[in-house]
PDB file of N, CA and C in Angstrom:
ATOM      1  N   MET A   1     -62.730  12.271  14.209  1.00  0.00           N
ATOM      2  CA  MET A   1     -61.279  11.729  14.011  1.00  0.00           C
ATOM      3  C   MET A   1     -61.119  10.945  12.772  1.00  0.00           C
ATOM      4  N   ASP A   2     -59.871  10.928  12.304  1.00  0.00           N
ATOM      5  CA  ASP A   2     -59.591  10.481  11.117  1.00  0.00           C
ATOM      6  C   ASP A   2     -59.552   9.007  11.267  1.00  0.00           C
ATOM      7  N   LYS A   3     -59.505   8.275  10.077  1.00  0.00           N
ATOM      8  CA  LYS A   3     -59.402   6.866   9.963  1.00  0.00           C
ATOM      9  C   LYS A   3     -58.391   6.171  10.569  1.00  0.00           C
ATOM     10  N   LEU A   4     -57.281   6.778  10.905  1.00  0.00           N
ATOM     11  CA  LEU A   4     -56.055   6.129  11.591  1.00  0.00           C
ATOM     12  C   LEU A   4     -56.487   6.068  13.105  1.00  0.00           C
ATOM     13  N   GLU A   5     -56.858   7.512  13.446  1.00  0.00           N
ATOM     14  CA  GLU A   5     -57.212   7.640  14.849  1.00  0.00           C
ATOM     15  C   GLU A   5     -58.484   6.727  15.275  1.00  0.00           C
ATOM     16  N   ALA A   6     -59.109   6.679  14.540  1.00  0.00           N
ATOM     17  CA  ALA A   6     -60.598   5.809  14.900  1.00  0.00           C
ATOM     18  C   ALA A   6     -60.086   4.224  14.836  1.00  0.00           C
ATOM     19  N   THR A   7     -59.446   3.914  13.950  1.00  0.00           N
ATOM     20  CA  THR A   7     -58.810   2.404  13.849  1.00  0.00           C
ATOM     21  C   THR A   7     -57.739   2.154  15.208  1.00  0.00           C
ATOM     22  N   GLN A   8     -56.970   3.099  15.329  1.00  0.00           N
ATOM     23  CA  GLN A   8     -56.514   2.881  16.813  1.00  0.00           C
ATOM     24  C   GLN A   8     -57.007   2.914  17.967  1.00  0.00           C
ATOM     25  N   ARG A   9     -58.239   3.828  18.063  1.00  0.00           N
ATOM     26  CA  ARG A   9     -59.012   3.490  19.265  1.00  0.00           C
ATOM     27  C   ARG A   9     -59.862   2.366  19.398  1.00  0.00           C
ATOM     28  N   VAL A  10     -60.123   1.806  18.316  1.00  0.00           N
ATOM     29  CA  VAL A  10     -60.797   0.381  18.264  1.00  0.00           C
ATOM     30  C   VAL A  10     -59.846  -0.615  18.916  1.00  0.00           C
ATOM     31  N   LEU A  11     -58.601  -0.500  18.340  1.00  0.00           N
ATOM     32  CA  LEU A  11     -57.711  -1.636  18.693  1.00  0.00           C
ATOM     33  C   LEU A  11     -57.127  -1.239  20.289  1.00  0.00           C
ATOM     34  N   ARG A  12     -57.184  -0.163  20.657  1.00  0.00           N
ATOM     35  CA  ARG A  12     -56.635   0.262  21.991  1.00  0.00           C
ATOM     36  C   ARG A  12     -57.818  -0.316  22.919  1.00  0.00           C
ATOM     37  N   PHE A  13     -59.063  -0.212  22.783  1.00  0.00           N
ATOM     38  CA  PHE A  13     -60.152  -0.414  23.571  1.00  0.00           C
ATOM     39  C   PHE A  13     -61.095  -1.611  23.467  1.00  0.00           C
ATOM     40  N   SER A  14     -60.704  -2.407  22.289  1.00  0.00           N
ATOM     41  CA  SER A  14     -61.490  -3.720  22.077  1.00  0.00           C
ATOM     42  C   SER A  14     -60.415  -4.750  22.006  1.00  0.00           C
ATOM     43  N   THR A  15     -60.513  -5.619  23.024  1.00  0.00           N
ATOM     44  CA  THR A  15     -59.623  -6.902  23.227  1.00  0.00           C
ATOM     45  C   THR A  15     -59.957  -7.604  22.231  1.00  0.00           C
ATOM     46  N   SER A  16     -61.144  -8.036  22.031  1.00  0.00           N
ATOM     47  CA  SER A  16     -61.422  -9.027  20.761  1.00  0.00           C
ATOM     48  C   SER A  16     -60.952  -8.761  19.589  1.00  0.00           C
ATOM     49  N   THR A  17     -61.330  -7.409  19.105  1.00  0.00           N
ATOM     50  CA  THR A  17     -60.678  -6.998  17.815  1.00  0.00           C
ATOM     51  C   THR A  17     -59.218  -6.788  17.776  1.00  0.00           C
ATOM     52  N   ARG A  18     -58.751  -6.287  18.975  1.00  0.00           N
ATOM     53  CA  ARG A  18     -57.114  -6.393  18.709  1.00  0.00           C
ATOM     54  C   ARG A  18     -56.723  -7.940  18.700  1.00  0.00           C
ATOM     55  N   ASN A  19     -57.155  -8.795  19.249  1.00  0.00           N
ATOM     56  CA  ASN A  19     -56.744 -10.152  19.477  1.00  0.00           C
ATOM     57  C   ASN A  19     -56.866 -10.682  17.949  1.00  0.00           C
ATOM     58  N   TRP A  20     -57.936 -10.508  17.416  1.00  0.00           N
ATOM     59  CA  TRP A  20     -58.495 -10.907  15.994  1.00  0.00           C
ATOM     60  C   TRP A  20     -57.392 -10.410  15.236  1.00  0.00           C
ATOM     61  N   CYS A  21     -57.161  -9.015  15.144  1.00  0.00           N
ATOM     62  CA  CYS A  21     -56.185  -8.460  14.246  1.00  0.00           C
ATOM     63  C   CYS A  21     -54.822  -9.052  14.321  1.00  0.00           C
ATOM     64  N   GLU A  22     -54.382  -9.377  15.544  1.00  0.00           N
ATOM     65  CA  GLU A  22     -52.924  -9.653  15.913  1.00  0.00           C
ATOM     66  C   GLU A  22     -52.902 -11.191  15.301  1.00  0.00           C
ATOM     67  N   LYS A  23     -53.687 -11.911  15.805  1.00  0.00           N
ATOM     68  CA  LYS A  23     -53.697 -13.429  15.469  1.00  0.00           C
ATOM     69  C   LYS A  23     -54.256 -13.952  14.271  1.00  0.00           C
ATOM     70  N   GLU A  24     -55.118 -13.580  13.821  1.00  0.00           N
ATOM     71  CA  GLU A  24     -55.807 -13.923  12.665  1.00  0.00           C
ATOM     72  C   GLU A  24     -55.103 -13.357  11.227  1.00  0.00           C
ATOM     73  N   GLU A  25     -54.933 -11.728  11.186  1.00  0.00           N
ATOM     74  CA  GLU A  25     -54.550 -10.922  10.371  1.00  0.00           C
ATOM     75  C   GLU A  25     -53.002 -10.653  10.428  1.00  0.00           C
ATOM     76  N   LYS A  26     -52.282 -10.929  11.470  1.00  0.00           N
ATOM     77  CA  LYS A  26     -50.859 -10.727  11.876  1.00  0.00           C
ATOM     78  C   LYS A  26     -50.522  -9.170  11.550  1.00  0.00           C
ATOM     79  N   VAL A  27     -51.555  -8.233  11.959  1.00  0.00           N
ATOM     80  CA  VAL A  27     -51.239  -6.785  11.870  1.00  0.00           C
ATOM     81  C   VAL A  27     -51.342  -6.162  13.233  1.00  0.00           C
ATOM     82  N   PHE A  28     -50.238  -5.600  13.815  1.00  0.00           N
ATOM     83  CA  PHE A  28     -50.312  -4.992  15.116  1.00  0.00           C
ATOM     84  C   PHE A  28     -50.511  -3.611  14.945  1.00  0.00           C
ATOM     85  N   PHE A  29     -51.003  -2.958  16.205  1.00  0.00           N
ATOM     86  CA  PHE A  29     -51.221  -1.406  16.430  1.00  0.00           C
ATOM     87  C   PHE A  29     -50.214  -0.600  15.637  1.00  0.00           C
ATOM     88  N   GLY A  30     -48.800  -0.750  15.807  1.00  0.00           N
ATOM     89  CA  GLY A  30     -47.838  -0.059  15.187  1.00  0.00           C
ATOM     90  C   GLY A  30     -47.632  -0.168  13.938  1.00  0.00           C
ATOM     91  N   ASP A  31     -48.404  -1.262  13.304  1.00  0.00           N
ATOM     92  CA  ASP A  31     -48.031  -1.334  11.703  1.00  0.00           C
ATOM     93  C   ASP A  31     -49.020  -0.506  10.773  1.00  0.00           C
ATOM     94  N   LEU A  32     -49.881   0.169  11.699  1.00  0.00           N
ATOM     95  CA  LEU A  32     -50.997   0.933  10.926  1.00  0.00           C
ATOM     96  C   LEU A  32     -50.463   2.602  10.909  1.00  0.00           C
ATOM     97  N   ASP A  33     -50.534   3.002   9.747  1.00  0.00           N
ATOM     98  CA  ASP A  33     -50.409   4.671   9.638  1.00  0.00           C
ATOM     99  C   ASP A  33     -51.095   5.542   8.733  1.00  0.00           C
ATOM    100  N   ASN A  34     -51.001   6.748   8.854  1.00  0.00           N
ATOM    101  CA  ASN A  34     -51.807   7.501   7.992  1.00  0.00           C
ATOM    102  C   ASN A  34     -52.111   7.047   6.338  1.00  0.00           C
ATOM    103  N   GLU A  35     -50.821   6.566   5.729  1.00  0.00           N
ATOM    104  CA  GLU A  35     -50.924   6.171   4.384  1.00  0.00           C
ATOM    105  C   GLU A  35     -51.642   4.713   4.096  1.00  0.00           C
ATOM    106  N   ASN A  36     -51.093   3.757   5.115  1.00  0.00           N
ATOM    107  CA  ASN A  36     -51.646   2.587   4.780  1.00  0.00           C
ATOM    108  C   ASN A  36     -53.046   2.229   5.126  1.00  0.00           C
ATOM    109  N   VAL A  37     -53.658   3.038   5.815  1.00  0.00           N
ATOM    110  CA  VAL A  37     -55.196   2.851   6.293  1.00  0.00           C
ATOM    111  C   VAL A  37     -56.152   3.274   5.338  1.00  0.00           C
ATOM    112  N   ILE A  38     -55.561   4.023   4.440  1.00  0.00           N
ATOM    113  CA  ILE A  38     -56.536   4.639   3.134  1.00  0.00           C
ATOM    114  C   ILE A  38     -56.001   3.768   1.799  1.00  0.00           C
ATOM    115  N   ASN A  39     -55.169   3.135   2.054  1.00  0.00           N
ATOM    116  CA  ASN A  39     -54.585   2.166   0.777  1.00  0.00           C
ATOM    117  C   ASN A  39     -55.250   0.924   0.610  1.00  0.00           C
ATOM    118  N   TYR A  40     -56.027   0.868  -0.406  1.00  0.00           N
ATOM    119  CA  TYR A  40     -56.719  -0.338  -0.774  1.00  0.00           C
ATOM    120  C   TYR A  40     -56.041  -1.320  -1.907  1.00  0.00           C
ATOM    121  N   ARG A  41     -54.761  -0.830  -2.358  1.00  0.00           N
ATOM    122  CA  ARG A  41     -53.846  -1.574  -3.273  1.00  0.00           C
ATOM    123  C   ARG A  41     -53.226  -2.740  -2.109  1.00  0.00           C
ATOM    124  N   ASP A  42     -52.457  -3.631  -3.074  1.00  0.00           N
ATOM    125  CA  ASP A  42     -51.559  -4.591  -2.320  1.00  0.00           C
ATOM    126  C   ASP A  42     -50.612  -3.976  -1.546  1.00  0.00           C
ATOM    127  N   GLY A  43     -50.478  -4.305  -0.195  1.00  0.00           N
ATOM    128  CA  GLY A  43     -49.484  -3.761   0.723  1.00  0.00           C
ATOM    129  C   GLY A  43     -50.334  -2.611   1.783  1.00  0.00           C
ATOM    130  N   GLY A  44     -51.581  -2.193   1.256  1.00  0.00           N
ATOM    131  CA  GLY A  44     -52.208  -1.500   2.184  1.00  0.00           C
ATOM    132  C   GLY A  44     -53.248  -2.135   3.035  1.00  0.00           C
ATOM    133  N   TYR A  45     -53.727  -1.265   4.100  1.00  0.00           N
ATOM    134  CA  TYR A  45     -54.587  -1.749   4.973  1.00  0.00           C
ATOM    135  C   TYR A  45     -55.852  -1.397   5.003  1.00  0.00           C
ATOM    136  N   GLY A  46     -56.237  -0.818   3.990  1.00  0.00           N
ATOM    137  CA  GLY A  46     -57.587  -0.120   3.738  1.00  0.00           C
ATOM    138  C   GLY A  46     -58.702  -1.090   4.139  1.00  0.00           C
ATOM    139  N   GLU A  47     -58.735  -2.093   3.400  1.00  0.00           N
ATOM    140  CA  GLU A  47     -59.762  -3.131   3.764  1.00  0.00           C
ATOM    141  C   GLU A  47     -59.760  -3.307   5.391  1.00  0.00           C
ATOM    142  N   LEU A  48     -58.687  -3.933   5.795  1.00  0.00           N
ATOM    143  CA  LEU A  48     -58.629  -4.234   7.060  1.00  0.00           C
ATOM    144  C   LEU A  48     -59.111  -3.073   8.203  1.00  0.00           C
ATOM    145  N   ALA A  49     -58.547  -1.890   7.755  1.00  0.00           N
ATOM    146  CA  ALA A  49     -58.862  -0.737   8.611  1.00  0.00           C
ATOM    147  C   ALA A  49     -60.517  -0.679   8.765  1.00  0.00           C
ATOM    148  N   ASP A  50     -61.159  -0.896   7.400  1.00  0.00           N
ATOM    149  CA  ASP A  50     -62.497  -0.814   7.524  1.00  0.00           C
ATOM    150  C   ASP A  50     -63.363  -1.831   8.148  1.00  0.00           C
ATOM    151  N   LEU A  51     -62.586  -3.069   8.401  1.00  0.00           N
ATOM    152  CA  LEU A  51     -63.036  -4.289   8.987  1.00  0.00           C
ATOM    153  C   LEU A  51     -62.917  -3.800  10.587  1.00  0.00           C
ATOM    154  N   ILE A  52     -61.838  -3.415  11.001  1.00  0.00           N
ATOM    155  CA  ILE A  52     -61.731  -3.053  12.226  1.00  0.00           C
ATOM    156  C   ILE A  52     -62.765  -1.985  12.875  1.00  0.00           C
ATOM    157  N   LEU A  53     -62.854  -0.986  12.034  1.00  0.00           N
ATOM    158  CA  LEU A  53     -63.781   0.000  12.246  1.00  0.00           C
ATOM    159  C   LEU A  53     -65.234  -0.389  12.380  1.00  0.00           C
ATOM    160  N   LYS A  54     -65.734  -1.258  11.423  1.00  0.00           N
ATOM    161  CA  LYS A  54     -66.994  -1.780  11.513  1.00  0.00           C
ATOM    162  C   LYS A  54     -67.221  -2.615  12.979  1.00  0.00           C
ATOM    163  N   LYS A  55     -65.954  -3.495  13.300  1.00  0.00           N
ATOM    164  CA  LYS A  55     -66.076  -4.357  14.547  1.00  0.00           C
ATOM    165  C   LYS A  55     -66.194  -3.284  15.624  1.00  0.00           C
ATOM    166  N   GLY A  56     -65.536  -2.255  15.630  1.00  0.00           N
ATOM    167  CA  GLY A  56     -65.570  -1.138  16.587  1.00  0.00           C
ATOM    168  C   GLY A  56     -67.133  -0.401  17.112  1.00  0.00           C
ATOM    169  N   ILE A  57     -67.525  -0.151  15.772  1.00  0.00           N
ATOM    170  CA  ILE A  57     -68.935   0.332  15.838  1.00  0.00           C
ATOM    171  C   ILE A  57     -69.985  -0.576  16.259  1.00  0.00           C
ATOM    172  N   GLU A  58     -69.834  -1.829  15.688  1.00  0.00           N
ATOM    173  CA  GLU A  58     -70.845  -2.991  16.393  1.00  0.00           C
ATOM    174  C   GLU A  58     -70.410  -3.224  18.084  1.00  0.00           C
ATOM    175  N   GLU A  59     -69.257  -3.037  18.433  1.00  0.00           N
ATOM    176  CA  GLU A  59     -68.946  -3.384  19.696  1.00  0.00           C
ATOM    177  C   GLU A  59     -69.599  -1.987  20.724  1.00  0.00           C
ATOM    178  N   GLY A  60     -69.543  -0.985  19.916  1.00  0.00           N
ATOM    179  CA  GLY A  60     -69.880   0.317  20.741  1.00  0.00           C
ATOM    180  C   GLY A  60     -68.692   1.155  21.228  1.00  0.00           C
ATOM    181  N   VAL A  61     -67.377   0.691  20.654  1.00  0.00           N
ATOM    182  CA  VAL A  61     -66.297   1.367  20.885  1.00  0.00           C
ATOM    183  C   VAL A  61     -66.410   2.929  20.531  1.00  0.00           C
ATOM    184  N   ILE A  62     -66.630   2.687  19.078  1.00  0.00           N
ATOM    185  CA  ILE A  62     -66.697   4.173  18.409  1.00  0.00           C
ATOM    186  C   ILE A  62     -68.015   4.261  18.024  1.00  0.00           C
ATOM    187  N   ASP A  63     -68.571   5.622  17.284  1.00  0.00           N
ATOM    188  CA  ASP A  63     -69.802   5.861  16.987  1.00  0.00           C
ATOM    189  C   ASP A  63     -69.310   6.079  15.174  1.00  0.00           C
ATOM    190  N   GLU A  64     -70.450   5.676  14.254  1.00  0.00           N
ATOM    191  CA  GLU A  64     -69.954   6.013  12.998  1.00  0.00           C
ATOM    192  C   GLU A  64     -69.996   7.552  12.807  1.00  0.00           C
ATOM    193  N   ASP A  65     -70.697   8.461  13.375  1.00  0.00           N
ATOM    194  CA  ASP A  65     -70.681   9.569  13.477  1.00  0.00           C
ATOM    195  C   ASP A  65     -69.157  10.404  13.930  1.00  0.00           C
ATOM    196  N   ASP A  66     -68.369   9.381  14.635  1.00  0.00           N
ATOM    197  CA  ASP A  66     -67.166   9.911  15.019  1.00  0.00           C
ATOM    198  C   ASP A  66     -66.001  10.165  14.108  1.00  0.00           C
ATOM    199  N   ILE A  67     -66.235   9.303  12.827  1.00  0.00           N
ATOM    200  CA  ILE A  67     -65.172   9.194  11.824  1.00  0.00           C
ATOM    201  C   ILE A  67     -65.408  10.379  10.881  1.00  0.00           C
ATOM    202  N   ASP A  68     -64.454  10.798  10.567  1.00  0.00           N
ATOM    203  CA  ASP A  68     -64.406  12.018   9.428  1.00  0.00           C
ATOM    204  C   ASP A  68     -64.448  11.397   8.036  1.00  0.00           C
TER     205      ASP A  68
END
């Protein structure tokens, strides 16, 4: 699955990661799109998406091999 799909899956199935993202980072499910999850410059969510994926892997929501 692509990075956006994997990130959305983690946010959908991990309450703790979703709550962290919404409360600490002020970023919500609908704020992410194909462009900003790969954007590492100002205004992009590339680094945040990487953190979400890392948390998802640690929690067993996704497998590292699932991500393209």
